[in-house]
Amino acid sequence: MSSEMLKKAIANNTKKFLFDNFQHIFIPPCLLAKVTKVEGNKVNLKILDVNKNEDDNYPELANIDTDITVEVDDIVVLNFLNGELEYPIIIRKLG
């Protein structure tokens, strides 16, 4: 095995270990999301990429509690408690 192949194998194994055990470090501290549904103080959100397009790498987040008044298609800043996708917090509405 060449040294370049060994380096790639080590890098891949390290990345897999980190992703399997510390997945939250791969989630940015804040993300943009588009409101897709509003029912009272609960909303559904779709994560956006850097170009404000829906990011299919993330599932739609459903029934997120918020005390911020938003409407469908609003863009919000989203944070995750302890980096966990299960605990999203809407920080503010953009615009």
Protein backbone atom coordinates (compact mmCIF):
# COMPACT_ATOMS: atom_id res chain seq x y z
CA MET A 1 0.00 0.00 0.00
CA SER A 2 1.41 3.38 -0.99
CA SER A 3 1.78 6.14 1.55
CA GLU A 4 -0.88 8.20 -0.31
CA MET A 5 -3.39 5.34 -0.08
CA LEU A 6 -2.58 4.93 3.62
CA LYS A 7 -3.16 8.65 4.21
CA LYS A 8 -6.54 8.46 2.45
CA ALA A 9 -7.56 5.37 4.44
CA ILE A 10 -6.62 7.06 7.73
CA ALA A 11 -8.46 10.26 6.75
CA ASN A 12 -11.60 8.32 5.72
CA ASN A 13 -11.59 6.23 8.91
CA THR A 14 -11.07 9.33 11.06
CA LYS A 15 -13.90 11.19 9.34
CA LYS A 16 -16.23 8.18 9.70
CA PHE A 17 -15.35 7.85 13.40
CA LEU A 18 -16.01 11.54 14.01
CA PHE A 19 -19.29 11.46 12.08
CA ASP A 20 -20.48 8.31 13.89
CA ASN A 21 -19.56 9.56 17.36
CA PHE A 22 -19.65 13.37 17.15
CA GLN A 23 -22.13 14.12 14.35
CA HIS A 24 -22.95 17.53 15.83
CA ILE A 25 -19.55 18.95 14.81
CA PHE A 26 -20.60 18.63 11.15
CA ILE A 27 -23.65 20.87 11.70
CA PRO A 28 -22.90 24.60 11.43
CA PRO A 29 -23.76 26.58 14.60
CA CYS A 30 -26.48 28.51 12.75
CA LEU A 31 -28.39 27.71 9.58
CA LEU A 32 -30.99 29.42 7.46
CA ALA A 33 -34.37 27.76 7.10
CA LYS A 34 -37.57 28.48 5.20
CA VAL A 35 -40.92 28.23 6.97
CA THR A 36 -43.07 25.69 5.10
CA LYS A 37 -46.06 25.47 7.45
CA VAL A 38 -47.47 27.47 10.37
CA GLU A 39 -50.03 26.21 12.88
CA GLY A 40 -50.32 28.42 15.94
CA ASN A 41 -46.90 28.59 17.59
CA LYS A 42 -45.59 25.49 15.75
CA VAL A 43 -43.86 25.64 12.39
CA ASN A 44 -42.28 23.30 9.86
CA LEU A 45 -38.90 24.29 8.47
CA LYS A 46 -36.76 23.31 5.51
CA ILE A 47 -33.01 23.91 5.89
CA LEU A 48 -31.46 26.14 3.21
CA ASP A 49 -28.00 25.99 1.66
CA VAL A 50 -25.64 28.96 1.32
CA ASN A 51 -27.53 30.10 -1.80
CA LYS A 52 -30.87 30.04 0.07
CA ASN A 53 -32.05 26.97 -1.87
CA GLU A 54 -33.66 24.06 -0.03
CA ASP A 55 -30.94 21.64 1.12
CA ASP A 56 -31.99 18.05 0.48
CA ASN A 57 -29.25 16.80 2.82
CA TYR A 58 -31.51 17.69 5.76
CA PRO A 59 -35.01 16.42 6.47
CA GLU A 60 -37.87 18.87 6.93
CA LEU A 61 -38.14 19.77 10.60
CA ALA A 62 -41.73 19.49 11.81
CA ASN A 63 -43.66 20.99 14.73
CA ILE A 64 -40.95 23.35 15.96
CA ASP A 65 -42.13 25.60 18.80
CA THR A 66 -41.49 29.31 18.38
CA ASP A 67 -42.57 32.54 20.02
CA ILE A 68 -41.48 34.51 16.94
CA THR A 69 -44.29 35.49 14.55
CA VAL A 70 -43.54 34.00 11.13
CA GLU A 71 -45.44 33.22 7.94
CA VAL A 72 -45.01 30.56 5.26
CA ASP A 73 -41.94 31.30 3.05
CA ASP A 74 -40.27 33.49 5.71
CA ILE A 75 -36.56 32.80 6.18
CA VAL A 76 -35.35 32.33 9.74
CA VAL A 77 -32.03 31.82 11.50
CA LEU A 78 -31.95 28.44 13.17
CA ASN A 79 -29.68 27.12 15.90
CA PHE A 80 -29.48 23.67 17.47
CA LEU A 81 -29.19 23.03 21.18
CA ASN A 82 -26.02 20.98 21.75
CA GLY A 83 -25.71 20.60 17.98
CA GLU A 84 -28.60 18.12 17.90
CA LEU A 85 -31.08 18.28 15.01
CA GLU A 86 -33.78 17.20 17.46
CA TYR A 87 -33.53 20.51 19.37
CA PRO A 88 -33.85 23.40 16.89
CA ILE A 89 -34.34 26.94 18.12
CA ILE A 90 -35.50 29.79 15.88
CA ILE A 91 -33.25 32.73 16.73
CA ARG A 92 -34.87 35.38 14.54
CA LYS A 93 -36.67 36.10 11.30
CA LEU A 94 -34.65 37.64 8.46
CA GLY A 95 -35.87 40.66 6.55
